[in-house]
Amino acid sequence: MKTSKSRVIAVTGKGGTGKTALVALMVKILGRDNRVKLLAVDADSAISLPQTLGMKADKTVSDIRQEIIENPEARSKLADTHIRTVIGSILKQKEGINLLVMGRPEGPGCFCSINDLLKYGIETLSRDFAVTIVDGEAGPEQINRRVLENVDTLIIVADASIRSMQTANSIRQIAQIGEAAKFAKIGLVINRMTEKKKAIVQAAQQTDLKILGYIPEDENITKYDLAGEPILKLPNASPSVIAVEGILREIGLG
């Protein structure tokens, strides 16, 4: 995979459609090339990406926010440090993968928005990586708050259900209207496809979203989830891995 400039990809969609699994598969495939400097960002407060990658986050962006709120000494120290250094100090590294985790949602009484910290963290850190992949919150909220403003490609994930397609269309409308965010490319990935669910393709075509690819039902993912094994260990011949390879080629990362 060759890329002449830093790429920032964000993945969002209705909760439960498999966006975190897609992010993990993208990381797995791109991580095969040790020359690609890769950053994975868990921007979902559910904090499921670390487990899916077989990693553990010792400190999150939310932890930094708490220090700023509760500890005057830490607040003073952080005030004199560039945000790039602060956020960069909590990166977790494993086998060529760099991981940044947002952590739990904002609580009452805070004066330092976790979304602002995350936004500037992504903006500054992504310059140091060939590819940054963001596992975003379910739904359109982070687009509304312009957290994903620095993203060039937005991937919306839907499963083979009408409700997930409706959510995908709502996200598209928010992403394309006004100044919420500006993306060079927006596309749809349909997850857990089977022969019986092909009628959903017609509904997908009515969203005006470019279909980047289809990921079939994959028994390997089910087995790995049940066993608590990270998706990074999936065999390269798994149907889902092969499908995501095609999706990466479609967005210029294959």
C-alpha atoms as a PDB file:
ATOM      1  CA  MET A   1       0.000   0.000   0.000  1.00  0.00           C
ATOM      2  CA  LYS A   2       1.359   3.393  -1.014  1.00  0.00           C
ATOM      3  CA  THR A   3       0.105   6.750   0.182  1.00  0.00           C
ATOM      4  CA  SER A   4       1.717  10.111  -0.572  1.00  0.00           C
ATOM      5  CA  LYS A   5       0.037  11.955   2.290  1.00  0.00           C
ATOM      6  CA  SER A   6      -1.573  11.202   5.624  1.00  0.00           C
ATOM      7  CA  ARG A   7      -5.021   9.636   5.350  1.00  0.00           C
ATOM      8  CA  VAL A   8      -7.671   9.895   8.060  1.00  0.00           C
ATOM      9  CA  ILE A   9     -10.570   7.440   7.797  1.00  0.00           C
ATOM     10  CA  ALA A  10     -13.556   7.495  10.159  1.00  0.00           C
ATOM     11  CA  VAL A  11     -16.077   4.683  10.565  1.00  0.00           C
ATOM     12  CA  THR A  12     -19.549   5.321  11.960  1.00  0.00           C
ATOM     13  CA  GLY A  13     -23.078   3.947  11.713  1.00  0.00           C
ATOM     14  CA  LYS A  14     -25.938   2.632  13.802  1.00  0.00           C
ATOM     15  CA  GLY A  15     -24.883   0.882  16.996  1.00  0.00           C
ATOM     16  CA  GLY A  16     -24.434  -2.867  16.620  1.00  0.00           C
ATOM     17  CA  THR A  17     -23.811  -2.859  12.874  1.00  0.00           C
ATOM     18  CA  GLY A  18     -20.193  -3.972  13.226  1.00  0.00           C
ATOM     19  CA  LYS A  19     -18.237  -0.752  12.761  1.00  0.00           C
ATOM     20  CA  THR A  20     -15.623  -1.709  15.366  1.00  0.00           C
ATOM     21  CA  ALA A  21     -15.070  -5.052  13.654  1.00  0.00           C
ATOM     22  CA  LEU A  22     -14.581  -3.217  10.346  1.00  0.00           C
ATOM     23  CA  VAL A  23     -12.019  -0.890  11.925  1.00  0.00           C
ATOM     24  CA  ALA A  24     -10.155  -3.873  13.405  1.00  0.00           C
ATOM     25  CA  LEU A  25     -10.119  -5.643  10.042  1.00  0.00           C
ATOM     26  CA  MET A  26      -8.784  -2.525   8.328  1.00  0.00           C
ATOM     27  CA  VAL A  27      -6.066  -2.250  10.964  1.00  0.00           C
ATOM     28  CA  LYS A  28      -5.231  -5.944  10.552  1.00  0.00           C
ATOM     29  CA  ILE A  29      -4.838  -5.663   6.777  1.00  0.00           C
ATOM     30  CA  LEU A  30      -2.924  -2.367   6.726  1.00  0.00           C
ATOM     31  CA  GLY A  31      -0.765  -3.566   9.614  1.00  0.00           C
ATOM     32  CA  ARG A  32       0.685  -6.366   7.468  1.00  0.00           C
ATOM     33  CA  ASP A  33       2.914  -3.775   5.823  1.00  0.00           C
ATOM     34  CA  ASN A  34       5.412  -2.827   8.524  1.00  0.00           C
ATOM     35  CA  ARG A  35       6.336   0.258   6.517  1.00  0.00           C
ATOM     36  CA  VAL A  36       2.891   1.804   7.074  1.00  0.00           C
ATOM     37  CA  LYS A  37       2.792   3.929  10.218  1.00  0.00           C
ATOM     38  CA  LEU A  38      -0.685   3.271  11.559  1.00  0.00           C
ATOM     39  CA  LEU A  39      -2.836   4.966  14.222  1.00  0.00           C
ATOM     40  CA  ALA A  40      -6.129   3.482  15.459  1.00  0.00           C
ATOM     41  CA  VAL A  41      -8.429   5.790  17.448  1.00  0.00           C
ATOM     42  CA  ASP A  42     -11.253   4.469  19.616  1.00  0.00           C
ATOM     43  CA  ALA A  43     -13.581   7.476  19.678  1.00  0.00           C
ATOM     44  CA  ASP A  44     -16.525   5.401  20.890  1.00  0.00           C
ATOM     45  CA  SER A  45     -17.320   5.656  24.598  1.00  0.00           C
ATOM     46  CA  ALA A  46     -18.198   1.942  24.583  1.00  0.00           C
ATOM     47  CA  ILE A  47     -14.399   1.336  24.440  1.00  0.00           C
ATOM     48  CA  SER A  48     -14.526  -1.918  22.480  1.00  0.00           C
ATOM     49  CA  LEU A  49     -11.708  -1.398  19.972  1.00  0.00           C
ATOM     50  CA  PRO A  50      -8.813  -2.248  22.345  1.00  0.00           C
ATOM     51  CA  GLN A  51     -10.228  -5.701  23.082  1.00  0.00           C
ATOM     52  CA  THR A  52     -10.959  -6.277  19.401  1.00  0.00           C
ATOM     53  CA  LEU A  53      -7.304  -5.486  18.644  1.00  0.00           C
ATOM     54  CA  GLY A  54      -6.008  -7.498  21.591  1.00  0.00           C
ATOM     55  CA  MET A  55      -4.655  -4.370  23.275  1.00  0.00           C
ATOM     56  CA  LYS A  56      -5.209  -2.562  26.577  1.00  0.00           C
ATOM     57  CA  ALA A  57      -5.314   1.189  27.082  1.00  0.00           C
ATOM     58  CA  ASP A  58      -3.608   2.259  30.307  1.00  0.00           C
ATOM     59  CA  LYS A  59      -4.782   5.870  29.971  1.00  0.00           C
ATOM     60  CA  THR A  60      -7.462   7.604  27.915  1.00  0.00           C
ATOM     61  CA  VAL A  61      -8.268  11.099  26.683  1.00  0.00           C
ATOM     62  CA  SER A  62     -11.009  11.155  29.326  1.00  0.00           C
ATOM     63  CA  ASP A  63      -8.392  10.506  32.026  1.00  0.00           C
ATOM     64  CA  ILE A  64      -6.477  13.588  30.868  1.00  0.00           C
ATOM     65  CA  ARG A  65      -9.675  15.617  31.060  1.00  0.00           C
ATOM     66  CA  GLN A  66     -10.257  14.435  34.629  1.00  0.00           C
ATOM     67  CA  GLU A  67      -6.726  15.461  35.610  1.00  0.00           C
ATOM     68  CA  ILE A  68      -7.324  18.930  34.203  1.00  0.00           C
ATOM     69  CA  ILE A  69     -10.570  19.262  36.176  1.00  0.00           C
ATOM     70  CA  GLU A  70      -9.556  17.731  39.505  1.00  0.00           C
ATOM     71  CA  ASN A  71      -5.825  18.305  39.887  1.00  0.00           C
ATOM     72  CA  PRO A  72      -4.582  21.945  39.881  1.00  0.00           C
ATOM     73  CA  GLU A  73      -0.954  20.817  39.704  1.00  0.00           C
ATOM     74  CA  ALA A  74      -1.626  18.596  36.693  1.00  0.00           C
ATOM     75  CA  ARG A  75      -3.690  21.382  35.107  1.00  0.00           C
ATOM     76  CA  SER A  76      -0.815  23.825  35.448  1.00  0.00           C
ATOM     77  CA  LYS A  77       1.657  21.331  34.022  1.00  0.00           C
ATOM     78  CA  LEU A  78      -0.560  20.447  31.070  1.00  0.00           C
ATOM     79  CA  ALA A  79      -1.197  24.123  30.318  1.00  0.00           C
ATOM     80  CA  ASP A  80       2.484  24.503  29.438  1.00  0.00           C
ATOM     81  CA  THR A  81       2.581  21.409  27.233  1.00  0.00           C
ATOM     82  CA  HIS A  82       1.472  21.208  23.596  1.00  0.00           C
ATOM     83  CA  ILE A  83      -1.678  19.130  23.138  1.00  0.00           C
ATOM     84  CA  ARG A  84       0.199  16.975  20.629  1.00  0.00           C
ATOM     85  CA  THR A  85       2.649  15.946  23.340  1.00  0.00           C
ATOM     86  CA  VAL A  86      -0.075  15.427  25.940  1.00  0.00           C
ATOM     87  CA  ILE A  87      -2.220  13.187  23.738  1.00  0.00           C
ATOM     88  CA  GLY A  88       0.804  11.454  22.238  1.00  0.00           C
ATOM     89  CA  SER A  89       2.002  10.436  25.687  1.00  0.00           C
ATOM     90  CA  ILE A  90      -0.966   8.083  26.176  1.00  0.00           C
ATOM     91  CA  LEU A  91      -0.620   6.171  22.909  1.00  0.00           C
ATOM     92  CA  LYS A  92      -0.476   2.406  23.337  1.00  0.00           C
ATOM     93  CA  GLN A  93       1.786   0.550  20.926  1.00  0.00           C
ATOM     94  CA  LYS A  94       1.818  -3.093  19.894  1.00  0.00           C
ATOM     95  CA  GLU A  95       3.259  -4.804  16.827  1.00  0.00           C
ATOM     96  CA  GLY A  96       3.351  -1.630  14.761  1.00  0.00           C
ATOM     97  CA  ILE A  97      -0.137  -0.473  15.785  1.00  0.00           C
ATOM     98  CA  ASN A  98      -0.575   2.762  17.740  1.00  0.00           C
ATOM     99  CA  LEU A  99      -3.814   3.066  19.711  1.00  0.00           C
ATOM    100  CA  LEU A 100      -5.516   6.159  21.169  1.00  0.00           C
ATOM    101  CA  VAL A 101      -8.657   5.709  23.295  1.00  0.00           C
ATOM    102  CA  MET A 102     -11.204   8.436  24.076  1.00  0.00           C
ATOM    103  CA  GLY A 103     -12.643   6.809  27.204  1.00  0.00           C
ATOM    104  CA  ARG A 104     -15.899   7.451  29.028  1.00  0.00           C
ATOM    105  CA  PRO A 105     -18.247  10.301  28.096  1.00  0.00           C
ATOM    106  CA  GLU A 106     -18.139  13.774  29.585  1.00  0.00           C
ATOM    107  CA  GLY A 107     -19.491  14.248  33.092  1.00  0.00           C
ATOM    108  CA  PRO A 108     -21.134  17.263  34.733  1.00  0.00           C
ATOM    109  CA  GLY A 109     -19.097  20.298  35.696  1.00  0.00           C
ATOM    110  CA  CYS A 110     -16.293  19.901  33.188  1.00  0.00           C
ATOM    111  CA  PHE A 111     -14.815  22.939  31.472  1.00  0.00           C
ATOM    112  CA  CYS A 112     -12.574  21.004  29.099  1.00  0.00           C
ATOM    113  CA  SER A 113     -14.534  19.095  26.467  1.00  0.00           C
ATOM    114  CA  ILE A 114     -13.338  15.570  25.820  1.00  0.00           C
ATOM    115  CA  ASN A 115     -14.511  15.951  22.229  1.00  0.00           C
ATOM    116  CA  ASP A 116     -12.338  19.035  21.817  1.00  0.00           C
ATOM    117  CA  LEU A 117      -9.343  17.174  23.200  1.00  0.00           C
ATOM    118  CA  LEU A 118     -10.066  14.258  20.906  1.00  0.00           C
ATOM    119  CA  LYS A 119     -10.538  16.509  17.889  1.00  0.00           C
ATOM    120  CA  TYR A 120      -7.224  18.282  18.352  1.00  0.00           C
ATOM    121  CA  GLY A 121      -5.548  15.017  19.223  1.00  0.00           C
ATOM    122  CA  ILE A 122      -6.633  13.508  15.920  1.00  0.00           C
ATOM    123  CA  GLU A 123      -5.680  16.646  13.997  1.00  0.00           C
ATOM    124  CA  THR A 124      -2.178  16.851  15.429  1.00  0.00           C
ATOM    125  CA  LEU A 125      -1.258  13.183  15.787  1.00  0.00           C
ATOM    126  CA  SER A 126      -2.525  12.115  12.364  1.00  0.00           C
ATOM    127  CA  ARG A 127       0.221  14.171  10.724  1.00  0.00           C
ATOM    128  CA  ASP A 128       2.749  11.687  12.090  1.00  0.00           C
ATOM    129  CA  PHE A 129       1.018   8.638  10.623  1.00  0.00           C
ATOM    130  CA  ALA A 130       0.459   7.398   7.086  1.00  0.00           C
ATOM    131  CA  VAL A 131      -3.039   6.206   7.986  1.00  0.00           C
ATOM    132  CA  THR A 132      -5.318   7.053  10.918  1.00  0.00           C
ATOM    133  CA  ILE A 133      -8.509   5.005  11.361  1.00  0.00           C
ATOM    134  CA  VAL A 134     -11.152   6.318  13.760  1.00  0.00           C
ATOM    135  CA  ASP A 135     -13.818   4.103  15.306  1.00  0.00           C
ATOM    136  CA  GLY A 136     -16.449   6.796  15.837  1.00  0.00           C
ATOM    137  CA  GLU A 137     -19.492   6.971  18.100  1.00  0.00           C
ATOM    138  CA  ALA A 138     -22.661   5.371  16.786  1.00  0.00           C
ATOM    139  CA  GLY A 139     -24.876   7.946  15.092  1.00  0.00           C
ATOM    140  CA  PRO A 140     -24.154  11.489  13.866  1.00  0.00           C
ATOM    141  CA  GLU A 141     -23.213  13.254  17.127  1.00  0.00           C
ATOM    142  CA  GLN A 142     -19.459  13.521  16.537  1.00  0.00           C
ATOM    143  CA  ILE A 143     -20.099  14.882  13.055  1.00  0.00           C
ATOM    144  CA  ASN A 144     -22.467  17.464  14.548  1.00  0.00           C
ATOM    145  CA  ARG A 145     -19.790  18.476  17.055  1.00  0.00           C
ATOM    146  CA  ARG A 146     -17.164  18.596  14.281  1.00  0.00           C
ATOM    147  CA  VAL A 147     -14.987  16.096  16.116  1.00  0.00           C
ATOM    148  CA  LEU A 148     -14.322  14.358  12.794  1.00  0.00           C
ATOM    149  CA  GLU A 149     -13.564  17.573  10.926  1.00  0.00           C
ATOM    150  CA  ASN A 150     -10.078  16.467   9.900  1.00  0.00           C
ATOM    151  CA  VAL A 151     -11.302  13.219   8.312  1.00  0.00           C
ATOM    152  CA  ASP A 152     -10.948  12.803   4.536  1.00  0.00           C
ATOM    153  CA  THR A 153     -13.011   9.614   4.150  1.00  0.00           C
ATOM    154  CA  LEU A 154     -16.170   8.761   6.085  1.00  0.00           C
ATOM    155  CA  ILE A 155     -17.354   5.149   6.011  1.00  0.00           C
ATOM    156  CA  ILE A 156     -20.897   4.527   7.226  1.00  0.00           C
ATOM    157  CA  VAL A 157     -21.661   0.945   8.241  1.00  0.00           C
ATOM    158  CA  ALA A 158     -25.097  -0.636   7.997  1.00  0.00           C
ATOM    159  CA  ASP A 159     -26.225  -4.200   8.463  1.00  0.00           C
ATOM    160  CA  ALA A 160     -28.911  -5.757   6.320  1.00  0.00           C
ATOM    161  CA  SER A 161     -31.760  -3.939   8.103  1.00  0.00           C
ATOM    162  CA  ILE A 162     -33.935  -0.998   7.134  1.00  0.00           C
ATOM    163  CA  ARG A 163     -33.312   0.815  10.446  1.00  0.00           C
ATOM    164  CA  SER A 164     -29.550   0.774   9.984  1.00  0.00           C
ATOM    165  CA  MET A 165     -30.023   2.059   6.437  1.00  0.00           C
ATOM    166  CA  GLN A 166     -32.208   4.905   7.729  1.00  0.00           C
ATOM    167  CA  THR A 167     -29.498   5.814  10.240  1.00  0.00           C
ATOM    168  CA  ALA A 168     -26.888   5.693   7.491  1.00  0.00           C
ATOM    169  CA  ASN A 169     -28.946   8.114   5.403  1.00  0.00           C
ATOM    170  CA  SER A 170     -29.371  10.480   8.363  1.00  0.00           C
ATOM    171  CA  ILE A 171     -25.619  10.491   8.947  1.00  0.00           C
ATOM    172  CA  ARG A 172     -25.045  11.187   5.248  1.00  0.00           C
ATOM    173  CA  GLN A 173     -27.401  14.163   5.322  1.00  0.00           C
ATOM    174  CA  ILE A 174     -25.696  15.686   8.355  1.00  0.00           C
ATOM    175  CA  ALA A 175     -22.249  15.062   6.869  1.00  0.00           C
ATOM    176  CA  GLN A 176     -23.114  16.702   3.564  1.00  0.00           C
ATOM    177  CA  ILE A 177     -25.170  19.673   4.754  1.00  0.00           C
ATOM    178  CA  GLY A 178     -23.713  22.829   6.277  1.00  0.00           C
ATOM    179  CA  GLU A 179     -20.365  23.097   7.980  1.00  0.00           C
ATOM    180  CA  ALA A 180     -20.566  20.058  10.274  1.00  0.00           C
ATOM    181  CA  ALA A 181     -17.660  18.430   8.460  1.00  0.00           C
ATOM    182  CA  LYS A 182     -16.120  18.253   5.019  1.00  0.00           C
ATOM    183  CA  PHE A 183     -15.203  14.859   3.592  1.00  0.00           C
ATOM    184  CA  ALA A 184     -13.472  14.115   0.313  1.00  0.00           C
ATOM    185  CA  LYS A 185     -15.326  10.799   0.172  1.00  0.00           C
ATOM    186  CA  ILE A 186     -18.374   9.339   1.911  1.00  0.00           C
ATOM    187  CA  GLY A 187     -19.414   5.742   1.334  1.00  0.00           C
ATOM    188  CA  LEU A 188     -21.504   2.895   2.670  1.00  0.00           C
ATOM    189  CA  VAL A 189     -20.408  -0.582   3.763  1.00  0.00           C
ATOM    190  CA  ILE A 190     -23.089  -3.230   4.237  1.00  0.00           C
ATOM    191  CA  ASN A 191     -22.119  -5.766   6.870  1.00  0.00           C
ATOM    192  CA  ARG A 192     -23.292  -9.343   7.537  1.00  0.00           C
ATOM    193  CA  MET A 193     -24.655  -9.867   4.033  1.00  0.00           C
ATOM    194  CA  THR A 194     -26.283 -13.165   3.120  1.00  0.00           C
ATOM    195  CA  GLU A 195     -28.133 -14.388   0.039  1.00  0.00           C
ATOM    196  CA  LYS A 196     -31.436 -13.927   1.866  1.00  0.00           C
ATOM    197  CA  LYS A 197     -30.734 -10.258   2.586  1.00  0.00           C
ATOM    198  CA  LYS A 198     -29.947  -9.024  -0.903  1.00  0.00           C
ATOM    199  CA  ALA A 199     -33.188  -7.018  -1.004  1.00  0.00           C
ATOM    200  CA  ILE A 200     -31.421  -4.516   1.239  1.00  0.00           C
ATOM    201  CA  VAL A 201     -29.225  -3.507  -1.694  1.00  0.00           C
ATOM    202  CA  GLN A 202     -32.146  -1.639  -3.269  1.00  0.00           C
ATOM    203  CA  ALA A 203     -32.692   0.298  -0.036  1.00  0.00           C
ATOM    204  CA  ALA A 204     -28.977   1.087   0.065  1.00  0.00           C
ATOM    205  CA  GLN A 205     -29.030   2.444  -3.458  1.00  0.00           C
ATOM    206  CA  GLN A 206     -31.809   4.847  -2.491  1.00  0.00           C
ATOM    207  CA  THR A 207     -29.586   6.549   0.109  1.00  0.00           C
ATOM    208  CA  ASP A 208     -27.449   8.260  -2.578  1.00  0.00           C
ATOM    209  CA  LEU A 209     -24.407   6.788  -0.834  1.00  0.00           C
ATOM    210  CA  LYS A 210     -21.707   5.105  -2.859  1.00  0.00           C
ATOM    211  CA  ILE A 211     -21.535   1.454  -1.825  1.00  0.00           C
ATOM    212  CA  LEU A 212     -17.908   0.716  -1.001  1.00  0.00           C
ATOM    213  CA  GLY A 213     -18.452  -2.981  -0.439  1.00  0.00           C
ATOM    214  CA  TYR A 214     -20.269  -5.811   1.271  1.00  0.00           C
ATOM    215  CA  ILE A 215     -18.962  -7.890   4.169  1.00  0.00           C
ATOM    216  CA  PRO A 216     -20.520 -11.361   4.346  1.00  0.00           C
ATOM    217  CA  GLU A 217     -21.540 -13.215   7.476  1.00  0.00           C
ATOM    218  CA  ASP A 218     -18.292 -14.716   8.753  1.00  0.00           C
ATOM    219  CA  GLU A 219     -18.346 -17.677  11.126  1.00  0.00           C
ATOM    220  CA  ASN A 220     -14.741 -16.943  12.071  1.00  0.00           C
ATOM    221  CA  ILE A 221     -15.699 -13.575  13.584  1.00  0.00           C
ATOM    222  CA  THR A 222     -18.474 -15.225  15.597  1.00  0.00           C
ATOM    223  CA  LYS A 223     -16.068 -17.876  16.895  1.00  0.00           C
ATOM    224  CA  TYR A 224     -13.406 -15.326  17.788  1.00  0.00           C
ATOM    225  CA  ASP A 225     -15.939 -13.106  19.567  1.00  0.00           C
ATOM    226  CA  LEU A 226     -17.238 -16.021  21.633  1.00  0.00           C
ATOM    227  CA  ALA A 227     -13.692 -17.035  22.565  1.00  0.00           C
ATOM    228  CA  GLY A 228     -12.631 -13.457  23.353  1.00  0.00           C
ATOM    229  CA  GLU A 229      -9.919 -13.628  20.702  1.00  0.00           C
ATOM    230  CA  PRO A 230      -8.852 -10.419  18.890  1.00  0.00           C
ATOM    231  CA  ILE A 231      -9.915 -10.046  15.279  1.00  0.00           C
ATOM    232  CA  LEU A 232      -6.291  -9.366  14.373  1.00  0.00           C
ATOM    233  CA  LYS A 233      -5.754 -13.120  14.601  1.00  0.00           C
ATOM    234  CA  LEU A 234      -8.390 -13.959  11.982  1.00  0.00           C
ATOM    235  CA  PRO A 235      -7.031 -16.080   9.102  1.00  0.00           C
ATOM    236  CA  ASN A 236      -6.273 -14.047   5.987  1.00  0.00           C
ATOM    237  CA  ALA A 237      -8.553 -16.361   4.014  1.00  0.00           C
ATOM    238  CA  SER A 238     -11.592 -15.414   6.129  1.00  0.00           C
ATOM    239  CA  PRO A 239     -14.456 -14.044   3.985  1.00  0.00           C
ATOM    240  CA  SER A 240     -14.602 -10.824   6.015  1.00  0.00           C
ATOM    241  CA  VAL A 241     -10.869 -10.173   5.586  1.00  0.00           C
ATOM    242  CA  ILE A 242     -11.086 -10.654   1.825  1.00  0.00           C
ATOM    243  CA  ALA A 243     -14.101  -8.330   1.641  1.00  0.00           C
ATOM    244  CA  VAL A 244     -12.363  -5.565   3.606  1.00  0.00           C
ATOM    245  CA  GLU A 245      -9.309  -5.842   1.368  1.00  0.00           C
ATOM    246  CA  GLY A 246     -11.642  -4.855  -1.478  1.00  0.00           C
ATOM    247  CA  ILE A 247     -13.083  -1.966   0.536  1.00  0.00           C
ATOM    248  CA  LEU A 248      -9.580  -0.629   1.219  1.00  0.00           C
ATOM    249  CA  ARG A 249      -8.785  -0.771  -2.494  1.00  0.00           C
ATOM    250  CA  GLU A 250     -12.020   1.135  -3.185  1.00  0.00           C
ATOM    251  CA  ILE A 251     -10.900   4.038  -0.940  1.00  0.00           C
ATOM    252  CA  GLY A 252      -7.357   4.047  -2.337  1.00  0.00           C
ATOM    253  CA  LEU A 253      -5.597   2.124   0.427  1.00  0.00           C
ATOM    254  CA  GLY A 254      -5.254  -1.254  -1.273  1.00  0.00           C
END
